[in-house]
Amino acid sequence: MDVYVARNGKQEGPFAADQIVEMIRSRKLLQTDLVWHQELPEWRQASSVFDFLEEPVAPLQATRTKPSSPPPHSGSSAPALRLAGRGARLGAVVVDGVFACLVAMPGLLLTLALTFLVGGGNGLGIFVLAVCLLCLALYQAFLLSRDGQTLGKRVFRVMIVTADTEGNAGFVKAVLLRIVVVALLQSIPVAGGIFALVDILFIFREDRRCIHDLIAGTKVVAMDGRM
């Protein structure tokens, strides 16, 4: 089966099945790219055609036939990605919180053990706690930069994309603007708490873009296809 790939209005291909598999493994094919093959009626988001979390060979297994030409494609005419549901976004946040608690557990247990057994050593426990959380934060930042997903977003199959091109948001938008800048704003006494509350309430807008999405120029979409 021959597959065509489109990104930012530029079309490439055709690629054979084994080439697509290698492109997925090497991250040369992004989940937000558009793909088309002979069995698809129209261009679709790659994440709705191929499973990026499992071995991607199965969706490509088919009898090889002479490929027909793909339908016309342009970045401006691509159908919009479906917005992630509010429940899925909340679930992703909860799962990320659970992961943080699990990662923090060794440091917390060490702190309690040292406190009750030897009456001190809190510094060591706090150090271990900080290192564990830092490692998790760096890994989450890596996933956000590469895939537009945290561990929680992977579980609920949603991802962050740019609001205009629906491409990979990258490190600057997905991490620096969406998380670091917003965290600094939320740290402002009194005003930061109000900002955090309003930020959450913005999820009830029609486009479901919170303030941190507006600052970063992003939106959160589902991985199960387009509108």
Protein backbone atom coordinates (compact mmCIF):
# COMPACT_ATOMS: atom_id res chain seq x y z
CA MET A 1 0.00 0.00 0.00
CA ASP A 2 1.44 3.37 -1.02
CA VAL A 3 0.93 6.28 1.34
CA TYR A 4 1.12 10.01 0.65
CA VAL A 5 2.00 12.48 3.41
CA ALA A 6 1.16 16.20 3.63
CA ARG A 7 2.44 18.78 6.10
CA ASN A 8 1.92 22.56 6.02
CA GLY A 9 0.48 22.33 2.51
CA LYS A 10 3.46 20.36 1.13
CA GLN A 11 2.77 16.85 -0.20
CA GLU A 12 5.31 14.02 -0.34
CA GLY A 13 5.19 10.40 -1.45
CA PRO A 14 4.21 7.83 -2.28
CA PHE A 15 5.86 5.85 0.53
CA ALA A 16 5.76 2.09 0.87
CA ALA A 17 4.41 0.46 4.01
CA ASP A 18 7.84 -0.33 5.43
CA GLN A 19 8.93 3.28 4.82
CA ILE A 20 5.93 4.59 6.77
CA VAL A 21 6.72 2.23 9.63
CA GLU A 22 10.29 3.53 9.76
CA MET A 23 9.08 7.15 9.54
CA ILE A 24 6.83 6.56 12.56
CA ARG A 25 9.65 4.96 14.52
CA SER A 26 12.10 7.75 13.67
CA ARG A 27 9.50 10.49 14.31
CA LYS A 28 9.74 11.76 10.75
CA LEU A 29 5.98 11.21 10.45
CA LEU A 30 4.11 13.29 13.04
CA GLN A 31 0.76 12.46 14.53
CA THR A 32 -0.60 15.76 13.20
CA ASP A 33 0.50 15.14 9.60
CA LEU A 34 -2.12 14.36 6.98
CA VAL A 35 -1.95 11.01 5.19
CA TRP A 36 -3.79 9.34 2.32
CA HIS A 37 -3.75 5.90 0.73
CA GLN A 38 -6.01 4.18 -1.76
CA GLU A 39 -8.44 2.86 0.86
CA LEU A 40 -9.09 6.31 2.38
CA PRO A 41 -11.81 8.56 0.91
CA GLU A 42 -9.95 11.74 1.94
CA TRP A 43 -6.85 13.04 3.69
CA ARG A 44 -6.82 12.16 7.38
CA GLN A 45 -4.75 12.92 10.45
CA ALA A 46 -1.95 10.37 10.77
CA SER A 47 -2.88 9.54 14.37
CA SER A 48 -6.34 8.41 13.20
CA VAL A 49 -4.84 6.02 10.62
CA PHE A 50 -1.75 4.63 12.35
CA ASP A 51 -1.18 3.69 15.98
CA PHE A 52 1.81 5.70 17.18
CA LEU A 53 1.87 4.00 20.59
CA GLU A 54 2.03 0.42 19.35
CA GLU A 55 3.83 -1.43 16.55
CA PRO A 56 2.54 0.41 13.45
CA VAL A 57 2.74 -2.49 10.98
CA ALA A 58 -0.81 -3.87 11.34
CA PRO A 59 -2.75 -0.88 9.89
CA LEU A 60 -0.58 -1.01 6.77
CA GLN A 61 -1.03 -4.68 5.93
CA ALA A 62 -2.93 -4.94 2.66
CA THR A 63 -2.60 -6.40 -0.78
CA ARG A 64 -0.38 -4.11 -2.82
CA THR A 65 -2.28 -2.61 -5.72
CA LYS A 66 -1.46 0.03 -8.25
CA PRO A 67 -1.94 3.33 -6.41
CA SER A 68 -4.34 5.95 -7.68
CA SER A 69 -3.59 9.64 -7.39
CA PRO A 70 -4.35 11.24 -4.02
CA PRO A 71 -7.09 13.87 -3.81
CA PRO A 72 -5.96 17.49 -4.06
CA HIS A 73 -4.51 18.85 -0.85
CA SER A 74 -3.65 22.27 0.46
CA GLY A 75 -2.97 23.36 4.00
CA SER A 76 -5.89 25.80 3.93
CA SER A 77 -8.45 23.23 2.75
CA ALA A 78 -7.66 20.49 5.25
CA PRO A 79 -10.59 19.66 7.53
CA ALA A 80 -10.21 20.88 11.09
CA LEU A 81 -9.08 18.60 13.87
CA ARG A 82 -11.78 17.69 16.36
CA LEU A 83 -11.41 19.54 19.66
CA ALA A 84 -10.66 17.37 22.68
CA GLY A 85 -13.54 16.93 25.07
CA ARG A 86 -13.53 18.79 28.37
CA GLY A 87 -13.77 15.48 30.24
CA ALA A 88 -10.75 14.08 28.41
CA ARG A 89 -8.71 17.18 29.18
CA LEU A 90 -9.64 17.00 32.86
CA GLY A 91 -8.85 13.29 32.92
CA ALA A 92 -5.42 13.95 31.42
CA VAL A 93 -4.67 16.50 34.16
CA VAL A 94 -5.77 14.03 36.85
CA VAL A 95 -3.61 11.25 35.39
CA ASP A 96 -0.59 13.58 35.25
CA GLY A 97 -1.22 14.40 38.90
CA VAL A 98 -1.31 10.70 39.77
CA PHE A 99 1.98 10.16 37.96
CA ALA A 100 3.50 13.07 39.90
CA CYS A 101 2.34 11.56 43.20
CA LEU A 102 3.80 8.17 42.31
CA VAL A 103 7.14 9.69 41.28
CA ALA A 104 7.25 11.78 44.45
CA MET A 105 6.55 8.76 46.66
CA PRO A 106 10.21 7.63 47.17
CA GLY A 107 11.24 11.08 48.41
CA LEU A 108 8.22 11.37 50.68
CA LEU A 109 8.71 7.90 52.15
CA LEU A 110 12.43 8.54 52.70
CA THR A 111 11.65 11.82 54.45
CA LEU A 112 9.12 10.15 56.77
CA ALA A 113 11.42 7.20 57.47
CA LEU A 114 14.37 9.40 58.39
CA THR A 115 12.18 11.64 60.52
CA PHE A 116 10.67 8.85 62.60
CA LEU A 117 13.66 6.49 62.71
CA VAL A 118 16.59 8.81 63.27
CA GLY A 119 14.87 12.07 64.06
CA GLY A 120 16.44 13.99 61.17
CA GLY A 121 17.77 13.78 57.64
CA ASN A 122 14.90 15.67 56.06
CA GLY A 123 17.36 17.33 53.70
CA LEU A 124 18.15 14.01 52.01
CA GLY A 125 14.49 13.15 51.58
CA ILE A 126 13.70 16.56 50.15
CA PHE A 127 16.65 16.25 47.76
CA VAL A 128 15.43 12.86 46.50
CA LEU A 129 11.91 14.26 46.16
CA ALA A 130 13.18 17.23 44.13
CA VAL A 131 15.28 15.04 41.84
CA CYS A 132 12.37 12.67 41.17
CA LEU A 133 9.98 15.51 40.32
CA LEU A 134 12.60 17.25 38.19
CA CYS A 135 13.17 14.07 36.17
CA LEU A 136 9.42 13.72 35.62
CA ALA A 137 9.12 17.38 34.60
CA LEU A 138 11.96 17.04 32.09
CA TYR A 139 10.45 13.88 30.62
CA GLN A 140 7.02 15.49 30.35
CA ALA A 141 8.60 18.53 28.67
CA PHE A 142 10.35 16.21 26.21
CA LEU A 143 7.05 14.49 25.35
CA LEU A 144 5.29 17.82 24.95
CA SER A 145 8.00 19.15 22.65
CA ARG A 146 8.11 16.01 20.52
CA ASP A 147 4.50 14.81 20.48
CA GLY A 148 2.39 17.57 22.04
CA GLN A 149 1.42 15.13 24.79
CA THR A 150 2.07 14.46 28.44
CA LEU A 151 1.65 10.98 29.89
CA GLY A 152 -1.91 11.88 30.86
CA LYS A 153 -2.71 13.18 27.39
CA ARG A 154 -1.39 9.92 25.93
CA VAL A 155 -3.78 7.95 28.12
CA PHE A 156 -6.77 10.03 26.97
CA ARG A 157 -5.51 10.30 23.38
CA VAL A 158 -5.46 14.08 23.11
CA MET A 159 -2.64 16.35 22.01
CA ILE A 160 -1.57 19.99 21.85
CA VAL A 161 -1.23 21.53 18.39
CA THR A 162 -0.79 25.05 17.05
CA ALA A 163 -4.10 26.86 16.65
CA ASP A 164 -3.38 28.14 13.15
CA THR A 165 -1.59 25.32 11.30
CA GLU A 166 -2.56 22.42 13.59
CA GLY A 167 1.06 21.29 13.55
CA ASN A 168 3.47 20.33 16.31
CA ALA A 169 3.51 23.09 18.93
CA GLY A 170 7.14 22.41 19.86
CA PHE A 171 9.08 23.37 22.98
CA VAL A 172 8.48 27.13 22.90
CA LYS A 173 4.69 26.99 22.66
CA ALA A 174 3.92 23.71 24.44
CA VAL A 175 6.35 24.19 27.33
CA LEU A 176 7.74 27.72 27.68
CA LEU A 177 4.61 29.72 26.85
CA ARG A 178 1.94 27.25 27.90
CA ILE A 179 3.50 26.14 31.18
CA VAL A 180 6.44 28.27 32.32
CA VAL A 181 4.99 31.70 31.51
CA VAL A 182 1.58 30.74 32.88
CA ALA A 183 3.16 29.38 36.09
CA LEU A 184 4.96 32.70 36.58
CA LEU A 185 1.69 34.60 36.14
CA GLN A 186 -0.07 32.30 38.61
CA SER A 187 2.67 32.92 41.20
CA ILE A 188 1.74 36.61 41.48
CA PRO A 189 0.09 37.17 44.90
CA VAL A 190 -3.72 37.46 44.77
CA ALA A 191 -3.83 38.29 41.06
CA GLY A 192 -2.23 34.94 40.25
CA GLY A 193 -5.02 33.04 41.98
CA ILE A 194 -7.66 34.99 40.09
CA PHE A 195 -5.80 34.39 36.85
CA ALA A 196 -5.65 30.63 37.55
CA LEU A 197 -9.42 30.48 38.18
CA VAL A 198 -10.29 32.45 35.04
CA ASP A 199 -7.87 30.30 33.05
CA ILE A 200 -9.78 27.18 34.06
CA LEU A 201 -13.18 28.74 33.31
CA PHE A 202 -12.11 29.59 29.77
CA ILE A 203 -12.48 25.87 28.97
CA PHE A 204 -16.21 26.57 28.63
CA ARG A 205 -15.61 28.80 25.61
CA GLU A 206 -16.88 27.42 22.32
CA ASP A 207 -13.32 26.80 21.08
CA ARG A 208 -12.35 25.31 24.50
CA ARG A 209 -9.12 27.34 24.53
CA CYS A 210 -8.02 28.36 28.00
CA ILE A 211 -5.94 31.49 28.60
CA HIS A 212 -2.76 29.43 28.48
CA ASP A 213 -3.84 28.24 25.00
CA LEU A 214 -4.41 31.83 23.88
CA ILE A 215 -1.01 32.91 25.22
CA ALA A 216 0.78 30.04 23.47
CA GLY A 217 -1.33 30.03 20.31
CA THR A 218 -2.35 26.40 20.83
CA LYS A 219 -5.41 24.21 21.16
CA VAL A 220 -6.02 20.67 22.40
CA VAL A 221 -7.42 18.18 19.92
CA ALA A 222 -8.54 14.55 19.87
CA MET A 223 -6.41 11.92 18.12
CA ASP A 224 -9.30 9.99 16.59
CA GLY A 225 -9.71 11.93 13.37
CA ARG A 226 -11.03 15.12 11.88
CA MET A 227 -14.40 16.81 11.72
